[in-house]
Protein backbone atom coordinates (compact mmCIF):
# COMPACT_ATOMS: atom_id res chain seq x y z
CA MET A 1 30.97 2.01 28.06
CA PRO A 2 32.57 3.25 24.93
CA SER A 3 31.40 1.80 21.31
CA THR A 4 33.30 -0.48 19.44
CA ARG A 5 35.01 1.68 17.01
CA GLU A 6 36.34 3.85 19.88
CA ARG A 7 37.42 0.70 22.01
CA VAL A 8 39.25 -0.81 19.02
CA ILE A 9 40.84 2.85 17.84
CA GLN A 10 42.24 2.82 21.96
CA ALA A 11 43.36 -0.61 21.64
CA VAL A 12 45.31 0.24 18.69
CA ALA A 13 47.19 3.45 20.11
CA ALA A 14 47.65 1.61 23.28
CA LEU A 15 49.59 -1.32 21.23
CA VAL A 16 51.19 1.80 19.35
CA LYS A 17 52.42 2.95 22.29
CA GLU A 18 53.89 -0.65 23.74
CA ALA A 19 55.43 -0.92 20.49
CA LEU A 20 57.24 2.65 20.69
CA PRO A 21 57.49 3.59 24.09
CA LYS A 22 60.31 6.09 23.16
CA ALA A 23 58.29 8.08 21.07
CA ALA A 24 56.09 11.36 22.13
CA HIS A 25 52.49 10.08 21.23
CA TYR A 26 49.32 11.78 20.14
CA ARG A 27 45.87 11.06 18.70
CA ASN A 28 44.06 12.83 15.98
CA GLU A 29 47.17 15.81 16.05
CA GLU A 30 48.04 17.56 12.96
CA LYS A 31 51.64 16.60 11.52
CA GLN A 32 54.21 17.63 14.47
CA LYS A 33 56.71 20.47 13.85
CA VAL A 34 59.36 19.68 16.41
CA ILE A 35 60.43 15.86 16.36
CA PRO A 36 61.39 14.91 20.11
CA ALA A 37 64.34 12.66 20.12
CA GLY A 38 62.29 9.64 20.39
CA GLY A 39 60.56 9.93 17.48
CA TYR A 40 56.63 10.63 17.40
CA VAL A 41 53.80 8.92 16.42
CA ASN A 42 50.32 10.09 16.15
CA VAL A 43 47.16 7.83 16.03
CA ASP A 44 44.35 9.20 13.87
CA ASP A 45 40.82 7.84 14.61
CA GLY A 46 40.70 7.00 10.69
CA ASP A 47 37.80 5.22 8.59
CA PRO A 48 36.00 2.43 9.14
CA GLY A 49 34.34 2.02 5.75
CA GLU A 50 31.33 0.72 4.30
CA PRO A 51 30.71 -2.52 5.81
CA GLU A 52 29.52 -5.55 5.18
CA VAL A 53 26.12 -6.40 6.73
CA THR A 54 25.05 -9.70 7.71
CA LEU A 55 21.54 -10.99 9.00
CA ASN A 56 20.50 -13.23 11.71
CA PRO A 57 21.42 -11.36 14.11
CA THR A 58 22.63 -8.32 12.33
CA THR A 59 25.99 -7.65 12.18
CA TRP A 60 28.03 -4.78 10.53
CA ILE A 61 31.60 -5.64 9.75
CA TYR A 62 33.80 -3.18 9.34
CA GLU A 63 37.42 -3.47 7.92
CA HIS A 64 38.44 0.18 9.72
CA GLN A 65 41.98 1.73 8.75
CA ILE A 66 43.34 3.67 11.42
CA PRO A 67 46.30 5.95 9.91
CA VAL A 68 49.36 5.82 12.45
CA GLU A 69 51.74 8.92 11.63
CA ILE A 70 55.49 7.88 12.76
CA ALA A 71 58.72 10.34 12.54
CA ALA A 72 62.08 10.04 13.42
CA ASN A 73 64.94 11.88 13.55
CA ALA A 74 69.16 11.05 12.47
CA SER A 75 71.26 10.97 15.66
CA ARG A 76 75.18 11.11 15.65
CA THR A 77 75.53 7.43 14.91
CA ILE A 78 71.88 6.22 12.97
CA SER A 79 70.44 7.44 10.07
CA ALA A 80 66.94 8.95 10.22
CA GLU A 81 65.82 5.99 7.65
CA ILE A 82 67.46 3.35 9.96
CA ARG A 83 65.80 4.98 13.19
CA LEU A 84 62.33 4.64 11.39
CA ASP A 85 62.68 1.40 9.85
CA THR A 86 63.66 0.07 13.37
CA MET A 87 60.06 1.97 14.58
CA LEU A 88 58.33 0.36 11.89
CA GLN A 89 59.79 -3.19 12.41
CA ALA A 90 58.70 -2.52 15.91
CA LEU A 91 55.16 -1.97 15.21
CA GLY A 92 54.56 -4.47 12.63
CA ALA A 93 56.02 -7.27 15.45
CA ALA A 94 53.30 -5.60 18.06
CA VAL A 95 50.61 -5.89 15.64
CA ALA A 96 52.14 -9.54 14.82
CA ALA A 97 51.81 -10.84 18.10
CA ASP A 98 48.20 -9.57 18.65
CA ARG A 99 46.18 -10.08 15.44
CA THR A 100 42.92 -9.93 17.70
CA LEU A 101 43.76 -6.76 19.93
CA GLY A 102 42.86 -9.36 23.08
CA GLY A 103 39.46 -10.41 21.06
CA LEU A 104 38.54 -7.55 20.49
CA CYS A 105 38.36 -7.49 16.47
CA ASP A 106 38.16 -10.40 14.20
CA TYR A 107 41.93 -9.35 12.88
CA LEU A 108 44.36 -7.02 12.53
CA MET A 109 46.88 -5.78 9.94
CA VAL A 110 49.77 -3.70 8.60
CA GLN A 111 49.67 -2.11 5.41
CA ALA A 112 52.94 -1.07 3.60
CA ALA A 113 54.33 2.24 4.88
CA GLN A 114 54.59 5.43 2.46
CA THR A 115 57.18 7.63 3.51
CA GLU A 116 59.11 10.69 2.74
CA GLY A 117 61.48 13.24 4.15
CA LEU A 118 60.70 16.14 6.74
CA THR A 119 64.40 18.04 6.26
CA ALA A 120 63.92 21.69 5.92
CA ASP A 121 67.12 24.00 5.79
CA GLY A 122 69.21 24.26 8.60
CA ALA A 123 66.75 21.43 10.74
CA ALA A 124 68.15 17.90 11.65
CA VAL A 125 67.69 14.94 8.64
CA SER A 126 64.11 13.58 9.32
CA ARG A 127 61.92 10.69 8.10
CA TYR A 128 58.14 10.24 8.16
CA ALA A 129 56.01 6.90 7.72
CA LEU A 130 52.35 6.60 6.96
CA VAL A 131 51.20 3.39 7.76
CA ASN A 132 47.42 2.01 7.94
CA ILE A 133 46.75 -0.26 11.02
CA VAL A 134 43.19 -2.10 9.50
CA ALA A 135 41.28 -3.46 11.93
CA VAL A 136 38.34 -5.95 11.32
CA TYR A 137 35.65 -6.25 13.30
CA GLY A 138 31.56 -6.96 13.66
CA THR A 139 29.18 -4.74 15.43
CA THR A 140 25.47 -5.36 16.38
CA ASP A 141 25.19 -1.50 16.30
CA PRO A 142 27.05 0.79 14.01
CA LEU A 143 27.27 3.47 16.75
CA ASN A 144 27.50 1.37 19.61
């Protein structure tokens, strides 16, 4: 059985895929050079950070930051900014709808997106966002 950390990351990746079904989905990949028509999403494993430790029973409580990279192209009718904003809103709504990942974690939240342009000379206008999803969860073994 996968560790708690891995199950949380897998659940976040599944939630993102459900929220953004038209995008190409990746895990732990480098920033894509070509953005598919539906956009792309990359979920990175991130950093669980330094845990708080409680005793009796000993429990490690993490605030695991899971970076999610999202990119969108402009289309003939919609700007890259609007397409990216729509994708970000869908992700935020999905997180708000399942703050515990079905009971797997104590709380799930998104942090504000950091955005930038990805446009190169001669390429379609594109926008990129980095969003941290923070999963708060506890485990009785930091490696399990």
